[in-house]
Amino acid sequence: MKNNKFTGLHLLVFALSVTMFTACEGEEGPQGIGLNSLTNISTEQSGDNCENGGIKFEVGLDSNENGILDETEVSATQYICNGINGSNSLTKITNEPAGTNCENGGLKIDSGLDTNANGTLDETEISATAYICNGINGNNSLTKITSEPAGINCTSGGLKVDSGIDINNNGILDEVEVSTTAYICNGLDGSNSLTKISNEPVGSNCENGGLKIESGLDTNANGILDEAEINATNFICNGNNGNNSITRITDEPAGTNCENGGIKIEFGIDLNNNNILDSEEITSTTFDCNTNPTESYQILYSFGSEGTQDGEFLSNEHISIDSSDNIYVVDTNGGKIERFNNDGTFLNRFQTINSPRNIHFFNDGRFILTKSAENIISVSDQNGAILNEWGSSGNGNSQFGFFRQIAVDTDEFIYVVDHNNHRIQKFDTQGNFITKWGQNGSGDGDFDFPWGIAVLGENIITSDNNGIQIFNKSGDFIKKVMIPNVNIYYDIATKDENIFIACGNVVVKTTIDFDNILYIGDGDFSGVTGIAVDSNDNIIVSDLGQRIVTVLGKN
C-alpha cells in the first residue's frame, strides 16, 4: 500500500492501443495497398533523453519493403521515460505475422511490470497481451506522439497525441493532416494506474470483434489489474469491410460524463470518404475518465508514551477534538482524559474519573462523556457541570453492555455504539430514548461487536467485524462495504464528503460511494484505534500499540 510515483507510461498503453487501432484497422477503400508502417521499440539508457532511463519509440514506413525499420526510414522518435520509485511498467510491441491472431498481420502488444528490474519485459513478467491487426487497402492513418511540457494542457506534463489520415502518402503526419489532438497527462503520487487490454470476440459488445480495455488503480500493489480493481471498461470495435474506420479522440472536460475530465473516444465508418468522422457517421462513443489525483500524507509529529504521568497513556483507544482543535486522549485504564493543543503540547488533565470510554464536543463547548465502569452517559456544560445523565448496565432501552464510539448529528441527536449488545442506540440531549437497531449476526443490519460510528449528511456510518455498514438516521439499512486488504475496523471520522477509518495498521480515506480508497500510513502504525480530523484536514490517530498519538498532514 505504499505510495509509488508513476509516469504517463501506464496511460500510454491505452493511448497506443486506441491510436494504433486507428492506424491498422482501416478497411477496404479506393486506394491500393500502401507501404507497411513499422514500429521499433528499444530500451533507452539513463542520460539526457531520460533521466531514469525508459523506452525509445521509433516509427516510419518500410519504404524498401525489407520488413525492418532502417535508420533512414525513421520519421518520428519519441522517448517514454521511467518515473521514480516502484517497478517500471514496460510495453513490448512486435510485428505479428499473418496468421491465426491477425489475418493480414499487425502488431502484438505485451505489457507488464519489470519486477526483476533488468530493463526487459521477460515472458514471466507479461500480464496482458493484445493484437492490433492490419485492415485491407486504404490510406494510412497516422499518429504523432510528442512530449507535452507541464502547463495548461497537463499540470504535471505528459504526451500530446495527434492523429489523422496521410492524404499525401508521404509517411509523415503533416500539420494540415492532423484531425484530432488529445493530451495524455501524467498522474501524481499514489497507487499505480493499470490498464489491461484484451481481444474482444465477435458478439454483443462488438459486432465484428475488437478490443476490451479495462483500467483501474493497483490498490494491492501486485502489478496486476485484478477484477476487483477494475473501475472502467471500454470496447473499441472493428469496422466492416469497405470504407475506412475512423476514431476521433478529443478532450472531455470535467462534467457529467467525466467528473474529473478525461478523453472522449468516438468511432465510426467514413461513409463519405472525406477522411473526417462526421457527426452522422459516429456509431459508438466511450469516455476514458481521469481518476482523482491520489493524495498522500506524511507524519507531522507524534507525542505520548506508555506510563501514568502527564502526557503518558496506559490505553489510549479513543480520541476527540474540540472546536479549537485541542486534542483529547481518553486513557481508560489510566482513569483520565488528557488535553493537548494542536502541536502536541500537554495542557492539563481534563477529567480524572474511573474508566472513561469516549468524549465528544459540541461546537459551543458542551461535551458528552461515556463511563464504562457504571455504563453511564453524561452531557456537561463548558465548565464540566453535568446537565443530564442516564444509563445503567443491561440490555434494555437506555441500558448498555459496553461503550465504544459515540457520534452526534446536526440536530444534536446522540448515537451510541452498544458494543456487547451488538446494537446502536439513539437519544436526544436530554437522555430521552429515541430508537435502536441491530442484533448479533452477519446479515445486513446485524452487528458483530460494533465499534465505530460517525455521521455524514443523512447517513450513519458504522464499523464492526462484518465491515462497514451505512444506515439512515432511523436505522434503516442502506448498504454494507468490505474494504479490500482490510480485515479490522475501529473508530470512524468524517470531514466534508470524506470518511476516515482507523484500521489497525493503516488508515483508510474514502467517500460514501467507496469508489476511490486511499490507504494512509501502512507500516507506520501498530494498532490505530482512535481517529479525528481537525479544521486543517490533518488526520489525528491514536496508536494503541505504541501508546502514542500521531498527526498526519497532506504532502
Protein backbone atom coordinates (compact mmCIF):
# COMPACT_ATOMS: atom_id res chain seq x y z
CA MET A 1 0.00 0.00 0.00
CA LYS A 2 2.99 2.32 -0.08
CA ASN A 3 2.52 5.23 -2.45
CA ASN A 4 4.71 5.00 -5.55
CA LYS A 5 5.48 7.54 -8.26
CA PHE A 6 4.34 6.74 -11.76
CA THR A 7 4.50 8.40 -15.15
CA GLY A 8 2.22 8.61 -18.15
CA LEU A 9 3.55 5.21 -19.27
CA HIS A 10 0.61 3.35 -17.81
CA LEU A 11 -1.77 5.57 -19.76
CA LEU A 12 0.41 5.18 -22.84
CA VAL A 13 -0.62 1.56 -23.17
CA PHE A 14 -4.19 2.75 -23.57
CA ALA A 15 -3.25 5.64 -25.86
CA LEU A 16 -1.19 3.44 -28.15
CA SER A 17 -3.89 0.81 -28.26
CA VAL A 18 -6.52 3.29 -29.36
CA THR A 19 -4.34 5.13 -31.87
CA MET A 20 -2.75 2.01 -33.32
CA PHE A 21 -6.17 0.54 -33.72
CA THR A 22 -6.99 3.58 -35.81
CA ALA A 23 -3.78 3.12 -37.77
CA CYS A 24 -4.22 -0.56 -38.53
CA GLU A 25 -7.96 -1.16 -38.69
CA GLY A 26 -8.78 0.83 -41.83
CA GLU A 27 -10.86 -1.34 -44.18
CA GLU A 28 -11.17 -1.56 -47.96
CA GLY A 29 -11.28 1.84 -49.69
CA PRO A 30 -10.49 3.35 -53.08
CA GLN A 31 -6.68 3.27 -52.72
CA GLY A 32 -4.24 0.42 -53.46
CA ILE A 33 -2.18 -1.31 -50.80
CA GLY A 34 0.38 1.15 -49.35
CA LEU A 35 3.68 0.67 -47.59
CA ASN A 36 3.73 -1.04 -44.22
CA SER A 37 4.08 1.19 -41.17
CA LEU A 38 6.72 -0.22 -38.78
CA THR A 39 7.46 0.45 -35.12
CA ASN A 40 10.78 -0.09 -33.36
CA ILE A 41 10.86 -0.18 -29.54
CA SER A 42 14.21 -0.21 -27.75
CA THR A 43 15.48 0.44 -24.24
CA GLU A 44 16.80 3.97 -23.60
CA GLN A 45 19.61 4.14 -21.05
CA SER A 46 19.73 6.83 -18.34
CA GLY A 47 21.03 10.06 -19.85
CA ASP A 48 19.99 13.32 -21.50
CA ASN A 49 16.85 11.86 -23.09
CA CYS A 50 15.58 10.07 -19.96
CA GLU A 51 16.98 10.85 -16.51
CA ASN A 52 15.96 7.42 -15.18
CA GLY A 53 16.05 5.52 -18.45
CA GLY A 54 12.97 4.43 -20.38
CA ILE A 55 11.87 3.41 -23.86
CA LYS A 56 12.82 4.77 -27.29
CA PHE A 57 9.87 4.65 -29.70
CA GLU A 58 10.68 4.94 -33.47
CA VAL A 59 8.09 4.83 -36.27
CA GLY A 60 8.22 5.07 -40.05
CA LEU A 61 7.23 3.48 -43.38
CA ASP A 62 9.06 0.40 -44.71
CA SER A 63 9.99 2.12 -47.99
CA ASN A 64 12.41 -0.65 -49.12
CA GLU A 65 9.92 -3.35 -48.08
CA ASN A 66 12.54 -5.41 -46.24
CA GLY A 67 10.37 -5.74 -43.12
CA ILE A 68 12.88 -3.82 -40.97
CA LEU A 69 12.64 -0.21 -39.84
CA ASP A 70 16.01 1.06 -41.09
CA GLU A 71 17.53 4.25 -39.68
CA THR A 72 16.84 6.14 -42.92
CA GLU A 73 13.15 5.16 -42.70
CA VAL A 74 12.56 6.55 -39.19
CA SER A 75 10.17 9.52 -39.45
CA ALA A 76 9.50 10.12 -35.77
CA THR A 77 11.26 9.33 -32.48
CA GLN A 78 9.75 9.60 -29.01
CA TYR A 79 11.15 8.81 -25.57
CA ILE A 80 8.88 7.42 -22.87
CA CYS A 81 10.78 7.85 -19.62
CA ASN A 82 10.61 5.87 -16.40
CA GLY A 83 9.32 7.52 -13.23
CA ILE A 84 10.93 7.24 -9.80
CA ASN A 85 10.18 4.58 -7.16
CA GLY A 86 8.37 1.29 -7.77
CA SER A 87 8.77 -1.24 -10.58
CA ASN A 88 8.85 0.21 -14.11
CA SER A 89 5.90 -0.51 -16.37
CA LEU A 90 7.16 -1.89 -19.72
CA THR A 91 5.48 -2.39 -23.06
CA LYS A 92 6.85 -4.59 -25.85
CA ILE A 93 5.44 -4.12 -29.36
CA THR A 94 6.43 -6.61 -32.05
CA ASN A 95 5.22 -7.32 -35.56
CA GLU A 96 2.63 -10.09 -35.75
CA PRO A 97 2.81 -12.14 -38.99
CA ALA A 98 -0.33 -13.01 -40.93
CA GLY A 99 -1.96 -15.99 -39.28
CA THR A 100 -4.46 -17.05 -36.64
CA ASN A 101 -4.11 -13.94 -34.50
CA CYS A 102 -4.18 -11.43 -37.39
CA GLU A 103 -5.39 -12.49 -40.84
CA ASN A 104 -3.40 -9.70 -42.54
CA GLY A 105 -0.66 -9.37 -39.94
CA GLY A 106 -0.35 -6.49 -37.49
CA LEU A 107 1.17 -5.75 -34.10
CA LYS A 108 1.46 -7.77 -30.89
CA ILE A 109 1.43 -5.67 -27.70
CA ASP A 110 2.76 -7.21 -24.49
CA SER A 111 2.77 -5.23 -21.23
CA GLY A 112 3.67 -5.76 -17.57
CA LEU A 113 5.88 -4.61 -14.68
CA ASP A 114 9.67 -5.01 -14.79
CA THR A 115 9.76 -6.88 -11.45
CA ASN A 116 13.39 -8.01 -11.78
CA ALA A 117 14.49 -4.51 -12.89
CA ASN A 118 16.56 -5.79 -15.83
CA GLY A 119 15.00 -3.31 -18.27
CA THR A 120 13.48 -6.09 -20.40
CA LEU A 121 9.89 -7.32 -20.39
CA ASP A 122 10.53 -11.01 -19.79
CA GLU A 123 7.94 -13.65 -20.65
CA THR A 124 7.18 -14.26 -16.96
CA GLU A 125 6.51 -10.51 -16.46
CA ILE A 126 3.87 -10.20 -19.18
CA SER A 127 0.46 -9.52 -17.60
CA ALA A 128 -1.52 -8.56 -20.75
CA THR A 129 -1.29 -9.29 -24.49
CA ALA A 130 -3.40 -7.85 -27.30
CA TYR A 131 -3.22 -7.89 -31.09
CA ILE A 132 -3.75 -4.82 -33.29
CA CYS A 133 -4.47 -6.25 -36.74
CA ASN A 134 -3.99 -4.68 -40.17
CA GLY A 135 -7.03 -3.88 -42.27
CA ILE A 136 -7.37 -4.14 -46.05
CA ASN A 137 -6.46 -1.40 -48.56
CA GLY A 138 -6.90 2.33 -47.95
CA ASN A 139 -4.92 5.40 -46.94
CA ASN A 140 -2.73 5.03 -43.90
CA SER A 141 -3.97 6.60 -40.69
CA LEU A 142 -1.01 8.13 -38.81
CA THR A 143 -0.45 9.10 -35.20
CA LYS A 144 2.18 11.51 -33.91
CA ILE A 145 3.13 11.40 -30.20
CA THR A 146 5.21 14.21 -28.73
CA SER A 147 6.10 15.25 -25.19
CA GLU A 148 3.79 17.84 -23.60
CA PRO A 149 5.54 20.05 -21.03
CA ALA A 150 3.88 20.86 -17.70
CA GLY A 151 1.41 23.66 -18.27
CA ILE A 152 -2.21 24.42 -19.08
CA ASN A 153 -2.84 21.21 -21.02
CA CYS A 154 -1.15 18.89 -18.46
CA THR A 155 -0.40 20.10 -14.91
CA SER A 156 2.36 17.52 -14.49
CA GLY A 157 3.31 17.20 -18.16
CA GLY A 158 2.51 14.22 -20.36
CA LEU A 159 2.03 13.35 -24.02
CA LYS A 160 0.36 15.13 -26.94
CA VAL A 161 -1.33 12.70 -29.35
CA ASP A 162 -2.10 13.97 -32.89
CA SER A 163 -3.82 11.72 -35.41
CA GLY A 164 -5.11 11.97 -38.97
CA ILE A 165 -5.06 10.47 -42.49
CA ASP A 166 -1.84 10.53 -44.56
CA ILE A 167 -3.55 12.21 -47.53
CA ASN A 168 -0.32 12.91 -49.47
CA ASN A 169 1.12 9.42 -48.70
CA ASN A 170 4.49 10.83 -47.59
CA GLY A 171 4.53 8.73 -44.42
CA ILE A 172 4.52 11.80 -42.17
CA LEU A 173 1.56 13.33 -40.33
CA ASP A 174 1.77 16.89 -41.60
CA GLU A 175 0.15 19.74 -39.67
CA VAL A 176 -2.60 20.13 -42.30
CA GLU A 177 -3.42 16.40 -41.93
CA VAL A 178 -3.98 16.49 -38.16
CA SER A 179 -7.68 15.93 -37.50
CA THR A 180 -7.66 15.25 -33.74
CA THR A 181 -5.46 16.17 -30.79
CA ALA A 182 -5.65 14.80 -27.26
CA TYR A 183 -3.43 15.00 -24.19
CA ILE A 184 -2.44 12.02 -22.03
CA CYS A 185 -1.36 13.62 -18.76
CA ASN A 186 0.92 12.27 -16.08
CA GLY A 187 -0.62 11.45 -12.71
CA LEU A 188 0.61 12.38 -9.25
CA ASP A 189 1.99 10.28 -6.40
CA GLY A 190 -0.14 7.31 -5.37
CA SER A 191 -1.16 3.80 -6.38
CA ASN A 192 -0.17 2.78 -9.91
CA SER A 193 -2.84 3.14 -12.57
CA LEU A 194 -3.04 -0.03 -14.66
CA THR A 195 -4.67 -0.83 -18.00
CA LYS A 196 -5.49 -4.30 -19.25
CA ILE A 197 -6.09 -4.73 -23.00
CA SER A 198 -7.57 -7.96 -24.32
CA ASN A 199 -9.19 -9.11 -27.54
CA GLU A 200 -12.99 -8.89 -27.61
CA PRO A 201 -14.57 -11.67 -29.70
CA VAL A 202 -17.44 -11.11 -32.10
CA GLY A 203 -20.57 -10.70 -30.01
CA SER A 204 -22.95 -8.29 -28.35
CA ASN A 205 -20.19 -5.88 -27.30
CA CYS A 206 -18.54 -5.72 -30.75
CA GLU A 207 -20.36 -6.95 -33.84
CA ASN A 208 -17.06 -7.56 -35.66
CA GLY A 209 -14.86 -8.08 -32.63
CA GLY A 210 -12.32 -5.59 -31.35
CA LEU A 211 -10.55 -4.67 -28.11
CA LYS A 212 -11.68 -4.65 -24.48
CA ILE A 213 -9.88 -2.00 -22.41
CA GLU A 214 -10.11 -2.25 -18.62
CA SER A 215 -8.49 0.26 -16.24
CA GLY A 216 -8.19 0.91 -12.52
CA LEU A 217 -5.79 1.51 -9.60
CA ASP A 218 -3.46 -1.26 -8.43
CA THR A 219 -4.64 -0.98 -4.81
CA ASN A 220 -2.91 -4.17 -3.64
CA ALA A 221 0.34 -3.23 -5.46
CA ASN A 222 0.78 -6.66 -7.09
CA GLY A 223 1.37 -5.23 -10.58
CA ILE A 224 -1.75 -6.90 -11.99
CA LEU A 225 -5.16 -5.33 -12.61
CA ASP A 226 -7.35 -7.71 -10.62
CA GLU A 227 -11.09 -7.97 -11.25
CA ALA A 228 -11.88 -6.17 -8.00
CA GLU A 229 -9.66 -3.21 -9.04
CA ILE A 230 -11.37 -2.53 -12.41
CA ASN A 231 -13.29 0.75 -12.34
CA ALA A 232 -13.79 1.34 -16.09
CA THR A 233 -14.32 -0.90 -19.12
CA ASN A 234 -14.45 0.28 -22.75
CA PHE A 235 -14.77 -1.56 -26.05
CA ILE A 236 -13.03 -0.42 -29.26
CA CYS A 237 -14.80 -2.33 -32.01
CA ASN A 238 -13.64 -3.26 -35.53
CA GLY A 239 -15.37 -1.75 -38.53
CA ASN A 240 -16.84 -3.57 -41.53
CA ASN A 241 -15.05 -4.23 -44.83
CA GLY A 242 -15.21 -1.34 -47.27
CA ASN A 243 -14.94 2.26 -46.04
CA ASN A 244 -12.24 3.33 -43.63
CA SER A 245 -12.86 3.01 -39.91
CA ILE A 246 -12.12 6.31 -38.14
CA THR A 247 -11.61 7.06 -34.47
CA ARG A 248 -11.81 10.60 -33.14
CA ILE A 249 -10.20 11.32 -29.75
CA THR A 250 -10.92 14.62 -28.04
CA ASP A 251 -10.50 16.00 -24.55
CA GLU A 252 -13.59 15.67 -22.35
CA PRO A 253 -13.94 18.49 -19.81
CA ALA A 254 -14.94 17.81 -16.22
CA GLY A 255 -18.70 17.33 -16.12
CA THR A 256 -21.48 14.77 -16.31
CA ASN A 257 -19.58 12.27 -18.46
CA CYS A 258 -16.29 12.51 -16.53
CA GLU A 259 -16.30 14.06 -13.07
CA ASN A 260 -12.58 14.87 -13.32
CA GLY A 261 -12.37 15.23 -17.09
CA GLY A 262 -10.79 12.70 -19.44
CA ILE A 263 -10.90 11.63 -23.06
CA LYS A 264 -13.89 11.19 -25.38
CA ILE A 265 -13.43 8.41 -27.95
CA GLU A 266 -15.80 8.42 -30.93
CA PHE A 267 -15.75 5.64 -33.51
CA GLY A 268 -17.45 5.18 -36.88
CA ILE A 269 -17.17 4.47 -40.62
CA ASP A 270 -16.10 7.18 -43.08
CA LEU A 271 -19.12 6.68 -45.35
CA ASN A 272 -18.44 9.77 -47.49
CA ASN A 273 -14.66 9.13 -47.69
CA ASN A 274 -13.77 12.69 -46.62
CA ASN A 275 -11.28 11.42 -44.03
CA ILE A 276 -13.26 13.13 -41.24
CA LEU A 277 -15.58 11.42 -38.76
CA ASP A 278 -18.73 13.46 -39.26
CA SER A 279 -21.39 13.54 -36.55
CA GLU A 280 -23.80 11.38 -38.54
CA GLU A 281 -21.06 8.72 -39.04
CA ILE A 282 -20.45 8.11 -35.31
CA THR A 283 -21.50 4.60 -34.30
CA SER A 284 -20.18 4.49 -30.72
CA THR A 285 -18.87 6.86 -28.07
CA THR A 286 -16.94 5.96 -24.93
CA PHE A 287 -15.24 8.01 -22.24
CA ASP A 288 -11.92 7.22 -20.57
CA CYS A 289 -12.17 9.32 -17.42
CA ASN A 290 -9.42 10.60 -15.19
CA THR A 291 -9.36 9.42 -11.59
CA ASN A 292 -8.81 11.88 -8.77
CA PRO A 293 -5.10 12.63 -8.34
CA THR A 294 -4.12 10.37 -5.47
CA GLU A 295 -3.32 12.25 -2.29
CA SER A 296 -0.53 11.32 0.04
CA TYR A 297 0.10 12.10 3.70
CA GLN A 298 3.18 12.44 5.86
CA ILE A 299 3.67 12.27 9.63
CA LEU A 300 3.87 15.79 11.06
CA TYR A 301 4.57 14.81 14.66
CA SER A 302 3.80 12.28 17.38
CA PHE A 303 3.51 12.58 21.13
CA GLY A 304 2.98 10.38 24.18
CA SER A 305 4.48 7.22 25.63
CA GLU A 306 3.44 4.39 27.93
CA GLY A 307 3.01 5.37 31.59
CA THR A 308 0.82 7.06 34.18
CA GLN A 309 2.34 10.55 34.24
CA ASP A 310 1.08 13.64 32.38
CA GLY A 311 1.40 13.08 28.62
CA GLU A 312 1.60 9.29 29.07
CA PHE A 313 -1.05 6.63 28.42
CA LEU A 314 -1.96 3.12 29.51
CA SER A 315 -4.77 2.54 26.97
CA ASN A 316 -5.33 5.40 24.51
CA GLU A 317 -8.09 3.72 22.47
CA HIS A 318 -10.22 6.78 21.66
CA ILE A 319 -9.51 10.45 20.89
CA SER A 320 -11.53 13.57 20.11
CA ILE A 321 -11.04 17.26 19.25
CA ASP A 322 -12.92 20.43 20.20
CA SER A 323 -13.77 23.45 18.06
CA SER A 324 -10.30 24.93 18.75
CA ASP A 325 -8.55 21.76 17.52
CA ASN A 326 -7.38 20.81 21.01
CA ILE A 327 -6.79 17.06 21.18
CA TYR A 328 -8.36 14.91 23.93
CA VAL A 329 -6.90 11.47 24.60
CA VAL A 330 -9.12 9.06 26.54
CA ASP A 331 -6.88 6.86 28.73
CA THR A 332 -9.40 4.31 30.03
CA ASN A 333 -7.06 2.20 32.12
CA GLY A 334 -5.26 5.31 33.36
CA GLY A 335 -8.55 6.79 34.60
CA LYS A 336 -8.06 10.14 32.88
CA ILE A 337 -8.72 12.27 29.82
CA GLU A 338 -5.75 14.43 28.86
CA ARG A 339 -5.90 17.61 26.79
CA PHE A 340 -3.17 18.71 24.33
CA ASN A 341 -3.01 21.67 21.98
CA ASN A 342 -2.74 21.16 18.22
CA ASP A 343 1.04 20.86 18.26
CA GLY A 344 1.01 18.06 20.84
CA THR A 345 1.85 20.15 23.91
CA PHE A 346 0.29 18.79 27.11
CA LEU A 347 -2.21 21.26 28.61
CA ASN A 348 -3.94 19.52 31.52
CA ARG A 349 -5.85 16.53 32.82
CA PHE A 350 -9.29 17.44 31.55
CA GLN A 351 -11.08 14.72 33.52
CA THR A 352 -9.97 12.23 36.17
CA ILE A 353 -12.65 9.54 36.51
CA ASN A 354 -12.97 5.77 36.70
CA SER A 355 -12.84 4.08 33.25
CA PRO A 356 -13.68 6.93 30.84
CA ARG A 357 -14.52 5.48 27.43
CA ASN A 358 -15.25 8.29 24.96
CA ILE A 359 -15.79 12.04 24.72
CA HIS A 360 -17.46 14.22 22.06
CA PHE A 361 -17.65 18.03 21.90
CA PHE A 362 -20.46 20.26 20.67
CA ASN A 363 -19.41 23.45 18.87
CA ASP A 364 -20.41 25.57 21.88
CA GLY A 365 -18.10 23.68 24.25
CA ARG A 366 -20.61 21.29 25.84
CA PHE A 367 -19.43 17.72 25.80
CA ILE A 368 -20.72 14.14 26.08
CA LEU A 369 -18.82 11.63 28.19
CA THR A 370 -19.30 7.87 28.45
CA LYS A 371 -18.13 5.98 31.54
CA SER A 372 -17.62 2.24 31.25
CA ALA A 373 -17.48 1.47 34.99
CA GLU A 374 -21.13 2.46 35.54
CA ASN A 375 -22.35 2.35 31.88
CA ILE A 376 -23.48 5.98 32.22
CA ILE A 377 -23.65 8.78 29.65
CA SER A 378 -23.47 12.42 30.75
CA VAL A 379 -23.88 15.75 28.96
CA SER A 380 -21.92 18.58 30.61
CA ASP A 381 -21.61 22.33 30.03
CA GLN A 382 -18.42 24.16 29.06
CA ASN A 383 -17.28 24.21 32.70
CA GLY A 384 -17.81 20.49 33.25
CA ALA A 385 -21.07 20.78 35.22
CA ILE A 386 -23.32 17.82 34.42
CA LEU A 387 -26.56 18.85 32.68
CA ASN A 388 -28.07 15.40 32.08
CA GLU A 389 -27.02 11.87 32.91
CA TRP A 390 -28.56 8.47 32.11
CA GLY A 391 -27.83 4.77 31.65
CA SER A 392 -27.14 1.56 33.54
CA SER A 393 -25.84 -1.94 32.84
CA GLY A 394 -28.15 -4.32 30.92
CA ASN A 395 -29.73 -4.90 27.51
CA GLY A 396 -32.93 -2.84 27.77
CA ASN A 397 -33.58 0.60 26.31
CA SER A 398 -31.09 3.14 27.74
CA GLN A 399 -29.02 0.29 29.17
CA PHE A 400 -25.60 -0.66 27.90
CA GLY A 401 -23.29 -3.64 27.75
CA PHE A 402 -20.09 -1.76 26.87
CA PHE A 403 -19.43 1.63 25.26
CA ARG A 404 -17.39 2.28 22.15
CA GLN A 405 -17.58 5.34 19.88
CA ILE A 406 -20.34 7.99 20.03
CA ALA A 407 -21.49 10.46 17.35
CA VAL A 408 -23.80 13.49 17.15
CA ASP A 409 -25.77 14.75 14.12
CA THR A 410 -26.65 18.34 13.19
CA ASP A 411 -29.92 18.10 15.17
CA GLU A 412 -27.91 17.09 18.26
CA PHE A 413 -29.23 13.52 18.37
CA ILE A 414 -26.69 11.23 20.02
CA TYR A 415 -25.77 7.83 18.53
CA VAL A 416 -24.10 5.37 20.91
CA VAL A 417 -22.30 2.13 19.99
CA ASP A 418 -23.53 -0.51 22.49
CA HIS A 419 -20.64 -2.89 21.82
CA ASN A 420 -21.52 -6.05 23.79
CA ASN A 421 -25.26 -5.79 22.97
CA HIS A 422 -24.43 -5.62 19.21
CA ARG A 423 -26.58 -2.57 18.54
CA ILE A 424 -26.80 1.22 18.13
CA GLN A 425 -28.96 3.36 20.45
CA LYS A 426 -30.17 6.88 19.64
CA PHE A 427 -31.01 9.62 22.21
CA ASP A 428 -31.67 13.33 22.42
CA THR A 429 -29.50 15.56 24.61
CA GLN A 430 -31.97 15.22 27.48
CA GLY A 431 -31.31 11.49 27.54
CA ASN A 432 -34.66 10.51 26.06
CA PHE A 433 -34.50 7.18 24.20
CA ILE A 434 -35.42 7.59 20.50
CA THR A 435 -34.72 4.25 18.79
CA LYS A 436 -32.28 1.37 18.49
CA TRP A 437 -31.21 -1.07 15.76
CA GLY A 438 -29.05 -4.13 15.27
CA GLN A 439 -28.57 -7.60 16.71
CA ASN A 440 -25.74 -10.11 16.82
CA GLY A 441 -25.22 -11.69 13.39
CA SER A 442 -23.64 -11.30 9.96
CA GLY A 443 -26.65 -10.30 7.87
CA ASP A 444 -27.48 -6.85 6.53
CA GLY A 445 -28.05 -4.55 9.51
CA ASP A 446 -26.64 -7.08 12.00
CA PHE A 447 -23.55 -6.38 14.09
CA ASP A 448 -20.65 -8.44 15.35
CA PHE A 449 -19.30 -6.30 18.21
CA PRO A 450 -19.75 -2.83 16.64
CA TRP A 451 -17.01 -0.30 17.37
CA GLY A 452 -17.04 2.92 15.30
CA ILE A 453 -19.80 5.34 14.35
CA ALA A 454 -19.92 8.70 12.51
CA VAL A 455 -22.45 10.95 10.78
CA LEU A 456 -22.08 12.08 7.16
CA GLY A 457 -25.04 14.14 5.95
CA GLU A 458 -28.12 11.96 6.35
CA ASN A 459 -26.06 8.79 6.69
CA ILE A 460 -24.91 6.94 9.79
CA ILE A 461 -21.69 5.01 9.14
CA THR A 462 -20.75 2.15 11.46
CA SER A 463 -17.93 -0.38 11.78
CA ASP A 464 -17.86 -3.88 13.23
CA ASN A 465 -16.29 -7.25 12.47
CA ASN A 466 -18.59 -7.53 9.43
CA GLY A 467 -17.05 -4.42 7.81
CA ILE A 468 -18.59 -1.01 7.22
CA GLN A 469 -22.38 -0.57 7.23
CA ILE A 470 -24.39 2.52 6.29
CA PHE A 471 -27.84 3.36 7.66
CA ASN A 472 -30.18 6.35 7.58
CA LYS A 473 -30.83 8.26 10.79
CA SER A 474 -33.77 5.99 11.64
CA GLY A 475 -31.56 2.92 11.49
CA ASP A 476 -32.78 1.60 8.13
CA PHE A 477 -30.03 -0.41 6.41
CA ILE A 478 -28.60 1.07 3.19
CA LYS A 479 -25.50 -0.95 2.29
CA LYS A 480 -22.51 -2.93 3.55
CA VAL A 481 -18.91 -2.48 2.37
CA MET A 482 -15.82 -4.66 2.82
CA ILE A 483 -12.69 -2.62 2.06
CA PRO A 484 -10.01 -4.52 0.08
CA ASN A 485 -6.92 -5.51 2.09
CA VAL A 486 -8.57 -4.54 5.40
CA ASN A 487 -9.82 -7.07 7.95
CA ILE A 488 -10.32 -4.97 11.09
CA TYR A 489 -12.28 -1.73 11.61
CA TYR A 490 -12.25 0.67 14.58
CA ASP A 491 -13.23 4.36 15.04
CA ILE A 492 -14.59 6.49 12.17
CA ALA A 493 -14.29 10.24 11.48
CA THR A 494 -15.89 12.37 8.75
CA LYS A 495 -14.95 15.74 7.26
CA ASP A 496 -16.79 17.39 4.37
CA GLU A 497 -17.55 14.49 1.98
CA ASN A 498 -14.72 12.27 3.22
CA ILE A 499 -14.74 9.24 5.52
CA PHE A 500 -11.68 8.27 7.60
CA ILE A 501 -11.45 4.83 9.24
CA ALA A 502 -8.91 3.56 11.77
CA CYS A 503 -7.99 0.03 10.66
CA GLY A 504 -5.22 -1.13 12.99
CA ASN A 505 -2.09 -0.88 10.85
CA VAL A 506 -3.48 1.58 8.32
CA VAL A 507 -5.89 4.50 7.97
CA VAL A 508 -8.42 4.40 5.12
CA LYS A 509 -9.75 7.55 3.45
CA THR A 510 -12.73 7.25 1.12
CA THR A 511 -16.17 8.71 0.30
CA ILE A 512 -19.74 7.50 0.78
CA ASP A 513 -19.60 5.64 -2.58
CA PHE A 514 -16.34 3.86 -1.62
CA ASP A 515 -15.21 4.20 -5.28
CA ASN A 516 -11.76 5.59 -4.51
CA ILE A 517 -9.90 4.24 -1.48
CA LEU A 518 -6.67 5.76 -0.16
CA TYR A 519 -4.54 3.76 2.28
CA ILE A 520 -2.51 6.01 4.60
CA GLY A 521 0.44 5.20 6.87
CA ASP A 522 0.82 1.49 6.16
CA GLY A 523 3.94 0.42 8.05
CA ASP A 524 3.88 3.44 10.38
CA PHE A 525 1.34 2.12 12.89
CA SER A 526 1.00 -0.90 15.16
CA GLY A 527 -2.61 -0.55 16.33
CA VAL A 528 -4.56 2.56 15.31
CA THR A 529 -7.99 2.53 17.01
CA GLY A 530 -8.98 6.19 17.51
CA ILE A 531 -9.23 8.85 14.80
CA ALA A 532 -10.21 12.51 14.33
CA VAL A 533 -9.75 15.17 11.62
CA ASP A 534 -9.06 18.81 12.53
CA SER A 535 -10.01 22.06 10.78
CA ASN A 536 -6.77 21.97 8.73
CA ASP A 537 -7.63 18.49 7.39
CA ASN A 538 -4.86 16.91 9.46
CA ILE A 539 -5.59 13.33 10.49
CA ILE A 540 -5.07 12.60 14.19
CA VAL A 541 -4.78 8.93 15.18
CA SER A 542 -4.42 7.14 18.47
CA ASP A 543 -1.93 4.28 18.12
CA LEU A 544 -2.75 1.94 20.98
CA GLY A 545 0.06 -0.45 20.05
CA GLN A 546 2.74 2.22 20.52
CA ARG A 547 0.89 4.26 23.21
CA ILE A 548 1.28 7.42 21.12
CA VAL A 549 -0.83 9.91 19.19
CA THR A 550 0.29 10.72 15.62
CA VAL A 551 -0.76 13.68 13.46
CA LEU A 552 -0.56 13.38 9.67
CA GLY A 553 -0.83 16.14 7.06
CA LYS A 554 -1.12 16.21 3.30
CA ASN A 555 2.10 16.29 1.26
